[in-house]
Amino acid sequence: MRRVTRPGGTVAAATWDTRGGLVALRMVYDAAAMIDPNGNQARAAAYTRPMSRPGELARAWQAAGLTNVVQDSLTIRMEFASFADFWTPVVGKEGPIAEYVGALSANSRGRLQDTVRLAYLDGETDGARSYAATAWVVKGTAP
């Protein structure tokens, strides 16, 4: 990006804080790690993705020779109408969580779904929920 950005131009990016910033996915991966021998491996792979820890984006921007590098975080809300709405992407076709869940046997997938449902419901009736989702954001100036 630095190579194709005109001098003085801004290079910016964002990536999810997969370890601590995605409450919704944390519920699924933590449940998987508790009930499935391969769940901990899937969780570890998701939480240790490159550029997903504090300072990693800034260090990469500085190493690329960008100046005035600033890294921060940005939090949004992920809104779900119900547990079914929450669960749909988990059993979808794209992303690491869907890939992991898709490889489970029907019995294991059902057990995971039941466990995650308990976390989603949190002692209340099914309905709307809102979970924080944080991304690391970085920007720098091309020399």
N, C-alpha and C. Protein backbone atom coordinates (compact mmCIF):
# COMPACT_ATOMS: atom_id res chain seq x y z
N MET A 1 0.84 -1.20 0.00
CA MET A 1 0.00 0.00 0.00
C MET A 1 0.88 1.25 0.00
N ARG A 2 1.98 1.20 0.71
CA ARG A 2 2.86 2.37 0.76
C ARG A 2 3.39 2.69 -0.63
N ARG A 3 3.76 1.68 -1.39
CA ARG A 3 4.34 1.87 -2.71
C ARG A 3 3.39 2.60 -3.66
N VAL A 4 2.11 2.35 -3.56
CA VAL A 4 1.17 2.94 -4.50
C VAL A 4 0.45 4.17 -3.95
N THR A 5 0.81 4.58 -2.76
CA THR A 5 0.20 5.77 -2.17
C THR A 5 1.11 6.97 -2.44
N ARG A 6 0.52 8.04 -2.91
CA ARG A 6 1.32 9.23 -3.23
C ARG A 6 1.94 9.78 -1.95
N PRO A 7 3.09 10.44 -2.06
CA PRO A 7 3.71 11.03 -0.88
C PRO A 7 2.72 11.96 -0.15
N GLY A 8 2.64 11.80 1.14
CA GLY A 8 1.70 12.58 1.95
C GLY A 8 0.33 11.93 2.06
N GLY A 9 0.10 10.88 1.29
CA GLY A 9 -1.19 10.19 1.35
C GLY A 9 -1.29 9.31 2.59
N THR A 10 -2.52 8.96 2.93
CA THR A 10 -2.77 8.15 4.12
C THR A 10 -2.98 6.69 3.75
N VAL A 11 -2.34 5.81 4.51
CA VAL A 11 -2.53 4.37 4.38
C VAL A 11 -3.21 3.93 5.68
N ALA A 12 -4.37 3.31 5.57
CA ALA A 12 -5.13 2.93 6.77
C ALA A 12 -5.68 1.52 6.61
N ALA A 13 -5.92 0.88 7.74
CA ALA A 13 -6.49 -0.47 7.73
C ALA A 13 -7.12 -0.74 9.09
N ALA A 14 -7.88 -1.82 9.12
CA ALA A 14 -8.50 -2.27 10.37
C ALA A 14 -8.54 -3.79 10.36
N THR A 15 -8.47 -4.37 11.54
CA THR A 15 -8.61 -5.81 11.69
C THR A 15 -9.28 -6.09 13.02
N TRP A 16 -10.07 -7.12 13.07
CA TRP A 16 -10.77 -7.45 14.31
C TRP A 16 -9.78 -7.82 15.41
N ASP A 17 -10.10 -7.43 16.62
CA ASP A 17 -9.37 -7.87 17.81
C ASP A 17 -9.96 -9.24 18.16
N THR A 18 -9.43 -10.27 17.50
CA THR A 18 -10.03 -11.60 17.62
C THR A 18 -9.90 -12.20 19.01
N ARG A 19 -8.88 -11.85 19.75
CA ARG A 19 -8.70 -12.44 21.07
C ARG A 19 -9.65 -11.83 22.09
N GLY A 20 -9.75 -10.52 22.14
CA GLY A 20 -10.52 -9.91 23.21
C GLY A 20 -11.65 -9.01 22.78
N GLY A 21 -11.84 -8.85 21.48
CA GLY A 21 -12.79 -7.85 21.04
C GLY A 21 -14.04 -8.35 20.36
N LEU A 22 -14.22 -9.65 20.27
CA LEU A 22 -15.40 -10.18 19.58
C LEU A 22 -16.17 -11.08 20.54
N VAL A 23 -17.02 -10.48 21.33
CA VAL A 23 -17.76 -11.22 22.36
C VAL A 23 -18.55 -12.37 21.74
N ALA A 24 -19.21 -12.13 20.64
CA ALA A 24 -20.06 -13.15 20.02
C ALA A 24 -19.24 -14.39 19.63
N LEU A 25 -18.11 -14.18 18.98
CA LEU A 25 -17.29 -15.33 18.59
C LEU A 25 -16.63 -15.97 19.80
N ARG A 26 -16.33 -15.17 20.79
CA ARG A 26 -15.71 -15.72 22.00
C ARG A 26 -16.66 -16.74 22.65
N MET A 27 -17.95 -16.44 22.66
CA MET A 27 -18.92 -17.37 23.24
C MET A 27 -18.87 -18.71 22.51
N VAL A 28 -18.79 -18.68 21.20
CA VAL A 28 -18.79 -19.92 20.42
C VAL A 28 -17.48 -20.68 20.61
N TYR A 29 -16.35 -19.98 20.44
CA TYR A 29 -15.06 -20.67 20.56
C TYR A 29 -14.79 -21.17 21.97
N ASP A 30 -15.17 -20.42 22.98
CA ASP A 30 -14.94 -20.89 24.35
C ASP A 30 -15.79 -22.13 24.64
N ALA A 31 -17.02 -22.14 24.16
CA ALA A 31 -17.87 -23.32 24.33
C ALA A 31 -17.26 -24.51 23.59
N ALA A 32 -16.79 -24.28 22.37
CA ALA A 32 -16.18 -25.35 21.58
C ALA A 32 -14.96 -25.92 22.29
N ALA A 33 -14.15 -25.06 22.88
CA ALA A 33 -12.94 -25.52 23.57
C ALA A 33 -13.28 -26.37 24.79
N MET A 34 -14.42 -26.13 25.40
CA MET A 34 -14.81 -26.89 26.58
C MET A 34 -15.38 -28.26 26.25
N ILE A 35 -16.03 -28.39 25.09
CA ILE A 35 -16.76 -29.64 24.83
C ILE A 35 -16.18 -30.49 23.71
N ASP A 36 -15.22 -29.96 22.94
CA ASP A 36 -14.69 -30.70 21.80
C ASP A 36 -13.16 -30.72 21.87
N PRO A 37 -12.54 -31.88 21.75
CA PRO A 37 -11.08 -31.95 21.80
C PRO A 37 -10.40 -31.05 20.76
N ASN A 38 -11.02 -30.87 19.60
CA ASN A 38 -10.43 -30.01 18.57
C ASN A 38 -10.85 -28.54 18.71
N GLY A 39 -11.77 -28.29 19.62
CA GLY A 39 -12.26 -26.92 19.80
C GLY A 39 -11.20 -25.97 20.30
N ASN A 40 -10.34 -26.44 21.18
CA ASN A 40 -9.28 -25.56 21.69
C ASN A 40 -8.31 -25.18 20.58
N GLN A 41 -8.03 -26.11 19.69
CA GLN A 41 -7.14 -25.82 18.56
C GLN A 41 -7.78 -24.78 17.63
N ALA A 42 -9.06 -24.92 17.37
CA ALA A 42 -9.75 -23.94 16.53
C ALA A 42 -9.75 -22.57 17.21
N ARG A 43 -9.99 -22.57 18.51
CA ARG A 43 -9.98 -21.29 19.26
C ARG A 43 -8.61 -20.66 19.20
N ALA A 44 -7.57 -21.43 19.44
CA ALA A 44 -6.21 -20.90 19.42
C ALA A 44 -5.86 -20.30 18.05
N ALA A 45 -6.26 -20.99 17.00
CA ALA A 45 -5.99 -20.47 15.65
C ALA A 45 -6.71 -19.15 15.41
N ALA A 46 -7.93 -19.04 15.89
CA ALA A 46 -8.70 -17.80 15.70
C ALA A 46 -8.13 -16.65 16.52
N TYR A 47 -7.67 -16.95 17.72
CA TYR A 47 -7.23 -15.88 18.62
C TYR A 47 -5.79 -15.44 18.41
N THR A 48 -5.03 -16.17 17.62
CA THR A 48 -3.63 -15.82 17.41
C THR A 48 -3.36 -15.38 15.98
N ARG A 49 -4.36 -14.90 15.30
CA ARG A 49 -4.19 -14.44 13.93
C ARG A 49 -3.24 -13.26 13.88
N PRO A 50 -2.41 -13.17 12.85
CA PRO A 50 -1.49 -12.04 12.73
C PRO A 50 -2.24 -10.71 12.67
N MET A 51 -1.62 -9.71 13.20
CA MET A 51 -2.12 -8.32 13.19
C MET A 51 -3.38 -8.13 14.03
N SER A 52 -3.60 -9.01 14.99
CA SER A 52 -4.82 -8.90 15.80
C SER A 52 -4.54 -8.57 17.27
N ARG A 53 -3.31 -8.20 17.58
CA ARG A 53 -2.96 -7.86 18.96
C ARG A 53 -2.55 -6.39 19.05
N PRO A 54 -2.64 -5.84 20.24
CA PRO A 54 -2.28 -4.42 20.40
C PRO A 54 -0.87 -4.13 19.87
N GLY A 55 -0.77 -3.10 19.06
CA GLY A 55 0.52 -2.64 18.56
C GLY A 55 1.02 -3.31 17.30
N GLU A 56 0.46 -4.44 16.90
CA GLU A 56 0.98 -5.15 15.73
C GLU A 56 0.80 -4.36 14.44
N LEU A 57 -0.35 -3.76 14.25
CA LEU A 57 -0.55 -2.97 13.03
C LEU A 57 0.40 -1.78 13.00
N ALA A 58 0.55 -1.09 14.12
CA ALA A 58 1.44 0.07 14.17
C ALA A 58 2.88 -0.34 13.84
N ARG A 59 3.33 -1.44 14.41
CA ARG A 59 4.69 -1.90 14.12
C ARG A 59 4.86 -2.24 12.64
N ALA A 60 3.86 -2.84 12.03
CA ALA A 60 3.93 -3.16 10.60
C ALA A 60 3.97 -1.88 9.76
N TRP A 61 3.19 -0.89 10.13
CA TRP A 61 3.17 0.38 9.39
C TRP A 61 4.52 1.08 9.52
N GLN A 62 5.09 1.06 10.73
CA GLN A 62 6.39 1.68 10.94
C GLN A 62 7.47 0.92 10.18
N ALA A 63 7.42 -0.40 10.19
CA ALA A 63 8.40 -1.21 9.46
C ALA A 63 8.32 -0.97 7.95
N ALA A 64 7.14 -0.60 7.47
CA ALA A 64 6.96 -0.32 6.04
C ALA A 64 7.45 1.08 5.67
N GLY A 65 7.87 1.84 6.68
CA GLY A 65 8.40 3.17 6.42
C GLY A 65 7.37 4.28 6.46
N LEU A 66 6.18 3.98 6.90
CA LEU A 66 5.16 5.04 7.02
C LEU A 66 5.48 5.92 8.22
N THR A 67 5.06 7.16 8.17
CA THR A 67 5.30 8.09 9.27
C THR A 67 3.98 8.49 9.91
N ASN A 68 4.07 9.19 11.02
CA ASN A 68 2.88 9.66 11.75
C ASN A 68 1.91 8.50 12.00
N VAL A 69 2.44 7.35 12.37
CA VAL A 69 1.62 6.16 12.57
C VAL A 69 0.83 6.28 13.87
N VAL A 70 -0.46 6.01 13.76
CA VAL A 70 -1.35 6.03 14.92
C VAL A 70 -2.19 4.76 14.89
N GLN A 71 -2.18 4.03 16.00
CA GLN A 71 -3.06 2.87 16.13
C GLN A 71 -4.04 3.14 17.26
N ASP A 72 -5.27 2.71 17.06
CA ASP A 72 -6.32 2.89 18.06
C ASP A 72 -7.27 1.71 17.94
N SER A 73 -8.35 1.77 18.66
CA SER A 73 -9.37 0.74 18.52
C SER A 73 -10.71 1.41 18.25
N LEU A 74 -11.58 0.65 17.65
CA LEU A 74 -12.91 1.13 17.31
C LEU A 74 -13.89 0.02 17.69
N THR A 75 -14.89 0.38 18.46
CA THR A 75 -15.87 -0.62 18.90
C THR A 75 -17.23 -0.31 18.31
N ILE A 76 -17.86 -1.34 17.78
CA ILE A 76 -19.22 -1.24 17.27
C ILE A 76 -20.07 -2.25 18.04
N ARG A 77 -21.33 -2.29 17.75
CA ARG A 77 -22.23 -3.28 18.35
C ARG A 77 -22.68 -4.24 17.26
N MET A 78 -22.69 -5.52 17.59
CA MET A 78 -23.26 -6.54 16.72
C MET A 78 -24.64 -6.85 17.27
N GLU A 79 -25.64 -6.59 16.48
CA GLU A 79 -27.04 -6.74 16.92
C GLU A 79 -27.61 -8.05 16.37
N PHE A 80 -28.29 -8.78 17.24
CA PHE A 80 -28.93 -10.03 16.86
C PHE A 80 -30.38 -9.99 17.32
N ALA A 81 -31.29 -10.43 16.46
CA ALA A 81 -32.72 -10.41 16.79
C ALA A 81 -33.10 -11.58 17.70
N SER A 82 -32.34 -12.67 17.61
CA SER A 82 -32.67 -13.89 18.36
C SER A 82 -31.47 -14.82 18.30
N PHE A 83 -31.55 -15.93 19.04
CA PHE A 83 -30.47 -16.90 18.96
C PHE A 83 -30.34 -17.45 17.54
N ALA A 84 -31.44 -17.68 16.87
CA ALA A 84 -31.37 -18.18 15.49
C ALA A 84 -30.59 -17.22 14.60
N ASP A 85 -30.81 -15.93 14.77
CA ASP A 85 -30.08 -14.91 14.02
C ASP A 85 -28.59 -14.96 14.36
N PHE A 86 -28.28 -15.13 15.62
CA PHE A 86 -26.90 -15.24 16.08
C PHE A 86 -26.22 -16.48 15.51
N TRP A 87 -26.92 -17.61 15.51
CA TRP A 87 -26.35 -18.90 15.13
C TRP A 87 -26.18 -19.06 13.63
N THR A 88 -26.98 -18.40 12.82
CA THR A 88 -26.95 -18.58 11.37
C THR A 88 -25.56 -18.43 10.77
N PRO A 89 -24.78 -17.38 11.06
CA PRO A 89 -23.45 -17.29 10.46
C PRO A 89 -22.49 -18.37 10.95
N VAL A 90 -22.72 -18.88 12.15
CA VAL A 90 -21.86 -19.91 12.72
C VAL A 90 -21.93 -21.19 11.89
N VAL A 91 -23.09 -21.48 11.35
CA VAL A 91 -23.27 -22.68 10.53
C VAL A 91 -23.31 -22.34 9.04
N GLY A 92 -22.81 -21.15 8.72
CA GLY A 92 -22.79 -20.71 7.33
C GLY A 92 -21.70 -21.39 6.53
N LYS A 93 -21.30 -20.76 5.46
CA LYS A 93 -20.32 -21.34 4.54
C LYS A 93 -18.96 -20.64 4.60
N GLU A 94 -18.88 -19.46 5.24
CA GLU A 94 -17.65 -18.68 5.17
C GLU A 94 -17.10 -18.36 6.55
N GLY A 95 -15.77 -18.30 6.61
CA GLY A 95 -15.10 -17.91 7.83
C GLY A 95 -14.63 -19.10 8.64
N PRO A 96 -13.66 -18.86 9.51
CA PRO A 96 -13.07 -19.96 10.30
C PRO A 96 -14.08 -20.64 11.23
N ILE A 97 -14.99 -19.89 11.81
CA ILE A 97 -15.94 -20.51 12.73
C ILE A 97 -16.90 -21.43 11.97
N ALA A 98 -17.37 -20.99 10.82
CA ALA A 98 -18.26 -21.82 10.01
C ALA A 98 -17.53 -23.06 9.51
N GLU A 99 -16.25 -22.90 9.18
CA GLU A 99 -15.46 -24.04 8.72
C GLU A 99 -15.31 -25.07 9.85
N TYR A 100 -15.01 -24.59 11.05
CA TYR A 100 -14.87 -25.50 12.19
C TYR A 100 -16.19 -26.21 12.48
N VAL A 101 -17.27 -25.45 12.60
CA VAL A 101 -18.57 -26.03 12.94
C VAL A 101 -19.04 -26.98 11.84
N GLY A 102 -18.78 -26.61 10.59
CA GLY A 102 -19.19 -27.45 9.47
C GLY A 102 -18.50 -28.80 9.46
N ALA A 103 -17.32 -28.90 10.08
CA ALA A 103 -16.58 -30.16 10.11
C ALA A 103 -17.02 -31.06 11.27
N LEU A 104 -17.86 -30.55 12.17
CA LEU A 104 -18.32 -31.35 13.31
C LEU A 104 -19.37 -32.36 12.87
N SER A 105 -19.46 -33.45 13.59
CA SER A 105 -20.55 -34.40 13.36
C SER A 105 -21.86 -33.72 13.76
N ALA A 106 -22.96 -34.24 13.30
CA ALA A 106 -24.27 -33.66 13.63
C ALA A 106 -24.48 -33.64 15.14
N ASN A 107 -24.06 -34.69 15.83
CA ASN A 107 -24.20 -34.77 17.28
C ASN A 107 -23.36 -33.69 17.97
N SER A 108 -22.11 -33.54 17.55
CA SER A 108 -21.23 -32.53 18.15
C SER A 108 -21.71 -31.12 17.85
N ARG A 109 -22.20 -30.91 16.64
CA ARG A 109 -22.72 -29.60 16.26
C ARG A 109 -23.94 -29.26 17.11
N GLY A 110 -24.80 -30.24 17.34
CA GLY A 110 -25.98 -30.01 18.18
C GLY A 110 -25.60 -29.71 19.62
N ARG A 111 -24.61 -30.43 20.13
CA ARG A 111 -24.14 -30.18 21.50
C ARG A 111 -23.55 -28.77 21.62
N LEU A 112 -22.76 -28.37 20.62
CA LEU A 112 -22.20 -27.02 20.63
C LEU A 112 -23.31 -25.98 20.56
N GLN A 113 -24.27 -26.18 19.68
CA GLN A 113 -25.37 -25.24 19.55
C GLN A 113 -26.12 -25.11 20.87
N ASP A 114 -26.40 -26.21 21.54
CA ASP A 114 -27.11 -26.17 22.82
C ASP A 114 -26.30 -25.42 23.88
N THR A 115 -24.99 -25.63 23.90
CA THR A 115 -24.13 -24.96 24.87
C THR A 115 -24.06 -23.46 24.59
N VAL A 116 -23.91 -23.09 23.34
CA VAL A 116 -23.84 -21.67 22.98
C VAL A 116 -25.19 -21.00 23.22
N ARG A 117 -26.27 -21.72 22.97
CA ARG A 117 -27.60 -21.17 23.24
C ARG A 117 -27.73 -20.75 24.71
N LEU A 118 -27.22 -21.59 25.62
CA LEU A 118 -27.26 -21.25 27.04
C LEU A 118 -26.49 -19.95 27.32
N ALA A 119 -25.34 -19.79 26.67
CA ALA A 119 -24.57 -18.55 26.85
C ALA A 119 -25.31 -17.36 26.27
N TYR A 120 -25.92 -17.53 25.12
CA TYR A 120 -26.67 -16.45 24.48
C TYR A 120 -27.87 -16.04 25.34
N LEU A 121 -28.62 -17.02 25.80
CA LEU A 121 -29.82 -16.73 26.59
C LEU A 121 -29.45 -16.13 27.94
N ASP A 122 -28.39 -16.60 28.55
CA ASP A 122 -27.90 -16.05 29.81
C ASP A 122 -29.00 -15.91 30.86
N GLY A 123 -29.84 -16.95 30.93
CA GLY A 123 -30.89 -16.97 31.94
C GLY A 123 -32.14 -16.20 31.58
N GLU A 124 -32.18 -15.63 30.40
CA GLU A 124 -33.36 -14.87 29.96
C GLU A 124 -34.04 -15.61 28.81
N THR A 125 -35.17 -15.09 28.39
CA THR A 125 -35.85 -15.66 27.23
C THR A 125 -35.12 -15.24 25.96
N ASP A 126 -35.35 -15.99 24.90
CA ASP A 126 -34.74 -15.66 23.62
C ASP A 126 -35.23 -14.29 23.17
N GLY A 127 -34.39 -13.61 22.45
CA GLY A 127 -34.74 -12.30 21.94
C GLY A 127 -33.49 -11.56 21.51
N ALA A 128 -33.66 -10.28 21.34
CA ALA A 128 -32.57 -9.44 20.84
C ALA A 128 -31.42 -9.36 21.83
N ARG A 129 -30.20 -9.34 21.28
CA ARG A 129 -28.98 -9.15 22.07
C ARG A 129 -28.05 -8.24 21.27
N SER A 130 -27.19 -7.55 21.99
CA SER A 130 -26.21 -6.66 21.38
C SER A 130 -24.86 -6.94 22.02
N TYR A 131 -23.86 -7.26 21.20
CA TYR A 131 -22.53 -7.58 21.70
C TYR A 131 -21.50 -6.63 21.09
N ALA A 132 -20.55 -6.23 21.91
CA ALA A 132 -19.47 -5.37 21.44
C ALA A 132 -18.54 -6.13 20.50
N ALA A 133 -18.05 -5.42 19.51
CA ALA A 133 -17.06 -5.96 18.57
C ALA A 133 -16.01 -4.88 18.35
N THR A 134 -14.77 -5.18 18.69
CA THR A 134 -13.70 -4.19 18.62
C THR A 134 -12.71 -4.56 17.52
N ALA A 135 -12.29 -3.54 16.80
CA ALA A 135 -11.27 -3.70 15.76
C ALA A 135 -10.09 -2.80 16.10
N TRP A 136 -8.90 -3.26 15.72
CA TRP A 136 -7.72 -2.42 15.77
C TRP A 136 -7.69 -1.62 14.47
N VAL A 137 -7.44 -0.33 14.56
CA VAL A 137 -7.37 0.54 13.39
C VAL A 137 -6.01 1.25 13.40
N VAL A 138 -5.47 1.45 12.22
CA VAL A 138 -4.16 2.10 12.10
C VAL A 138 -4.15 3.01 10.87
N LYS A 139 -3.39 4.06 10.98
CA LYS A 139 -3.17 4.91 9.82
C LYS A 139 -1.75 5.46 9.88
N GLY A 140 -1.22 5.75 8.72
CA GLY A 140 0.11 6.32 8.63
C GLY A 140 0.21 7.12 7.34
N THR A 141 1.26 7.91 7.25
CA THR A 141 1.45 8.78 6.10
C THR A 141 2.58 8.23 5.24
N ALA A 142 2.35 8.18 3.94
CA ALA A 142 3.40 7.76 3.00
C ALA A 142 4.44 8.87 2.89
N PRO A 143 5.74 8.50 2.97
CA PRO A 143 6.78 9.53 2.88
C PRO A 143 6.91 10.11 1.47
